[in-house]
């Protein structure tokens, strides 16, 4: 019997149950994967608490890495023994063995550990689309990036540094500020001590920034708009503090014809060719040493409730993995 986390109702961390599950043979287009590590991400909280609806009962988790144990009919791109990772597919990453569509898997280069791959796929691919596609950075820009010491944030700070981009990053503590700076964040704002809008205006000589990358949501949304220069873009890619409340489009016009987008990783990797291209660039950045994946927390899969508690309390930094 395999072990997995299942939820039969929405709610707090207590709704996650560590149970035995039967994992059969892979069907057409599937593989059976023995997982080495599973990534923890805020999207898992959204599915658990019902912000993102899903049929119940269900599994949880969008990211992991492991070794292929068996391949189903029609699978020609993978074989038994291949080291693979993913960020997508059905919610079932919180498990030691699972079935998964082969189409969402990418092979992990030999130089990258599977634990590292599990910690980087969703967060790293997110930075790839934010910086290379949603608002392409070419170097020389000054940007505002919220939650700069989080899993996405630490990768973003390093990637921006490699591109020659100046990062103004917000954090929740002085300790997180030190961590963000060590990874390439140029200017750190502790939002519990400083008004981030005033500080951004000060750092930019009153001009504002051309783009804000915001995964916090409700608590930072209007302030983020105030940080933008005319014709700037607000990239709202998460809502850790809650969903952004309804607002008038005049809020964009009055600040200088702003743009706004609410992107999702899964739209960007929906086509296989795009997934392979994005993953290849991410792996290349890690292999080159320009980006180091920081696994700051490890939890046993059975202790996932505590992992969610710590994540929601913003006690975590960098990437977090679950060990089956």
Foldseek 3Di string as FASTA:
>chain_A
DWWFWKAADADALVRTDIDDDDADQAEPQKFKFQFQWAFDDCVQNCDRRVVPDDDPGFGAGFWTKGFTCGDYPPDDPDDGGFTKIFGHFGGTRLIRMHMGGPLGIDTADPVDDRHLRNFQQQLVLVLCCVDPPPPDDQADFEEEEEPLFAANNLQNQLVCVVNNYAYEYEDQDVVSVVNSVVSHHRHYHNVVVDPVLVVLCVVVVNQAGQEYEAAQAQVCVLSNLSRHHAQHEYEHAHHLPDHHDDDDPVSCVVRHNYHYDHDDSCVQPVDSVSSVVSVVVSSVCVVVVSHDQDAFEEEESNPVSVVSVCVSVVVDGHIYMYGD
